[in-house]
Protein backbone atom coordinates (compact mmCIF):
# COMPACT_ATOMS: atom_id res chain seq x y z
CA MET A 1 23.97 -52.88 -46.91
CA GLY A 2 22.30 -52.95 -43.50
CA LEU A 3 22.26 -50.21 -40.92
CA PHE A 4 24.69 -52.08 -38.69
CA SER A 5 27.13 -52.33 -41.61
CA ASN A 6 26.97 -48.52 -41.80
CA ILE A 7 28.00 -48.32 -38.15
CA LEU A 8 30.99 -50.60 -38.75
CA GLU A 9 31.95 -48.62 -41.83
CA LYS A 10 31.85 -45.31 -39.92
CA LEU A 11 34.15 -46.83 -37.30
CA GLY A 12 36.57 -47.96 -40.00
CA MET A 13 35.80 -51.61 -39.42
CA GLY A 14 35.61 -53.59 -42.65
CA THR A 15 33.75 -56.84 -42.71
CA ALA A 16 35.70 -59.89 -43.84
CA HIS A 17 33.80 -62.13 -46.20
CA ALA A 18 34.71 -65.75 -46.71
CA ALA A 19 35.32 -66.83 -50.27
CA PRO A 20 32.30 -68.60 -51.77
CA VAL A 21 32.48 -72.38 -51.81
CA PRO A 22 32.54 -73.63 -55.40
CA ALA A 23 29.73 -75.96 -56.42
CA LEU A 24 30.74 -79.53 -57.10
CA ASP A 25 29.92 -81.23 -60.37
CA PRO A 26 28.46 -84.61 -59.35
CA ALA A 27 29.86 -86.20 -62.53
CA THR A 28 33.47 -85.37 -61.62
CA ALA A 29 33.58 -85.34 -57.81
CA THR A 30 32.25 -87.91 -55.39
CA SER A 31 33.23 -86.08 -52.21
CA PRO A 32 34.24 -82.51 -51.52
CA VAL A 33 37.91 -81.68 -51.19
CA VAL A 34 38.59 -79.34 -48.30
CA THR A 35 41.46 -76.92 -48.78
CA ALA A 36 42.72 -74.15 -46.56
CA PRO A 37 42.05 -70.62 -47.79
CA ALA A 38 44.99 -68.95 -49.50
CA ALA A 39 44.95 -66.09 -47.00
CA VAL A 40 43.03 -65.56 -43.81
CA ALA A 41 41.90 -62.04 -43.06
CA SER A 42 42.79 -61.04 -39.54
CA ILE A 43 40.54 -58.88 -37.44
CA THR A 44 42.20 -55.61 -36.52
CA MET A 45 41.03 -54.23 -33.21
CA VAL A 46 39.54 -50.76 -33.49
CA ASP A 47 39.62 -48.50 -30.43
CA VAL A 48 35.95 -47.54 -30.33
CA VAL A 49 36.28 -45.45 -27.16
CA GLU A 50 39.06 -43.33 -28.64
CA GLN A 51 37.11 -42.74 -31.84
CA MET A 52 33.84 -41.95 -30.11
CA GLU A 53 35.46 -39.66 -27.54
CA ALA A 54 37.24 -37.74 -30.31
CA ARG A 55 33.95 -37.39 -32.19
CA ALA A 56 32.17 -36.23 -29.03
CA ALA A 57 34.89 -33.65 -28.27
CA ALA A 58 34.62 -32.26 -31.80
CA ASN A 59 30.82 -32.05 -31.68
CA SER A 60 29.12 -28.85 -30.55
CA GLN A 61 26.35 -30.83 -28.83
CA LYS A 62 26.92 -32.57 -25.52
CA LEU A 63 26.33 -36.17 -26.60
CA ASN A 64 26.75 -39.21 -24.36
CA TRP A 65 27.40 -42.17 -26.65
CA ARG A 66 28.18 -44.41 -23.65
CA THR A 67 24.53 -44.52 -22.56
CA SER A 68 22.45 -43.31 -25.50
CA ILE A 69 21.93 -45.07 -28.82
CA VAL A 70 20.61 -41.80 -30.26
CA ASP A 71 23.81 -39.98 -29.29
CA LEU A 72 25.97 -42.84 -30.56
CA LEU A 73 24.25 -42.71 -33.95
CA LYS A 74 24.45 -38.89 -34.09
CA LEU A 75 28.21 -38.98 -33.47
CA LEU A 76 28.56 -41.42 -36.35
CA ASP A 77 26.44 -39.17 -38.61
CA ILE A 78 23.82 -41.91 -38.99
CA ASP A 79 20.08 -41.29 -38.94
CA SER A 80 18.94 -41.53 -35.30
CA SER A 81 15.22 -41.12 -35.92
CA LEU A 82 12.78 -43.54 -34.29
CA ALA A 83 12.13 -45.16 -37.67
CA ALA A 84 15.87 -45.73 -38.23
CA ARG A 85 16.33 -47.11 -34.71
CA LYS A 86 13.39 -49.47 -35.21
CA ALA A 87 14.92 -50.66 -38.49
CA LEU A 88 18.26 -51.24 -36.75
CA ALA A 89 16.53 -53.05 -33.88
CA THR A 90 14.72 -55.26 -36.38
CA GLU A 91 18.00 -55.98 -38.18
CA LEU A 92 19.57 -57.07 -34.86
CA TYR A 93 16.49 -59.18 -33.90
CA CYS A 94 15.14 -57.11 -31.02
CA PRO A 95 12.35 -58.99 -29.21
CA ASP A 96 8.88 -57.86 -30.29
CA GLU A 97 7.82 -56.96 -26.74
CA LEU A 98 10.63 -54.36 -26.55
CA MET A 99 9.83 -52.85 -29.94
CA ALA A 100 6.54 -51.44 -28.61
CA ASP A 101 8.31 -49.39 -25.90
CA SER A 102 10.89 -47.02 -27.40
CA ALA A 103 12.78 -46.57 -24.11
CA GLN A 104 13.16 -50.33 -23.63
CA MET A 105 14.06 -50.78 -27.30
CA ASN A 106 16.69 -48.02 -27.07
CA MET A 107 18.35 -49.62 -24.02
CA TRP A 108 18.37 -53.03 -25.71
CA LEU A 109 19.62 -51.53 -28.95
CA HIS A 110 22.48 -49.60 -27.31
CA LYS A 111 23.76 -52.68 -25.48
CA ASN A 112 23.42 -54.91 -28.55
CA VAL A 113 25.04 -52.45 -30.96
CA LEU A 114 28.07 -52.21 -28.66
CA ALA A 115 28.18 -56.00 -28.29
CA HIS A 116 28.01 -56.45 -32.07
CA ILE A 117 30.76 -53.84 -32.54
CA ALA A 118 32.92 -55.76 -30.05
CA ALA A 119 32.18 -59.05 -31.84
CA ASN A 120 33.39 -57.47 -35.09
CA GLY A 121 36.75 -56.29 -33.75
CA GLY A 122 35.82 -53.18 -31.79
CA ASN A 123 37.66 -52.65 -28.52
CA VAL A 124 34.67 -51.88 -26.30
CA PRO A 125 35.19 -51.78 -22.51
CA GLN A 126 33.46 -54.55 -20.57
CA GLU A 127 31.52 -52.06 -18.42
CA LEU A 128 29.70 -50.89 -21.56
CA LEU A 129 28.77 -54.46 -22.45
CA ASP A 130 27.34 -55.52 -19.06
């Protein structure tokens, strides 16, 4: 499981996996038969702001998850060390030129983590994605 999967898990956002496509036996099938899946998993929107604000209010530290990837990770009880952030940045395909500058990497990482959360069903305000 990747680091980003841990973030989704902490937010209560499961990842839907498509059923594997069965392999065709060339002796019995000349063309694939396409069938609709028996059930389609719907994406349930998760109110990320509500969850993060509740976590921040319950935390003794003054953490600003809206602007800091370190604070966001701390509120989710995920390792926020530089090594962990670099691993997460690598997982999300951070450009190499940003990886050498931790401040630039952190800004990129924060924006991309929020965008990936939104893409996976998280209700993230647009102003945090711009």
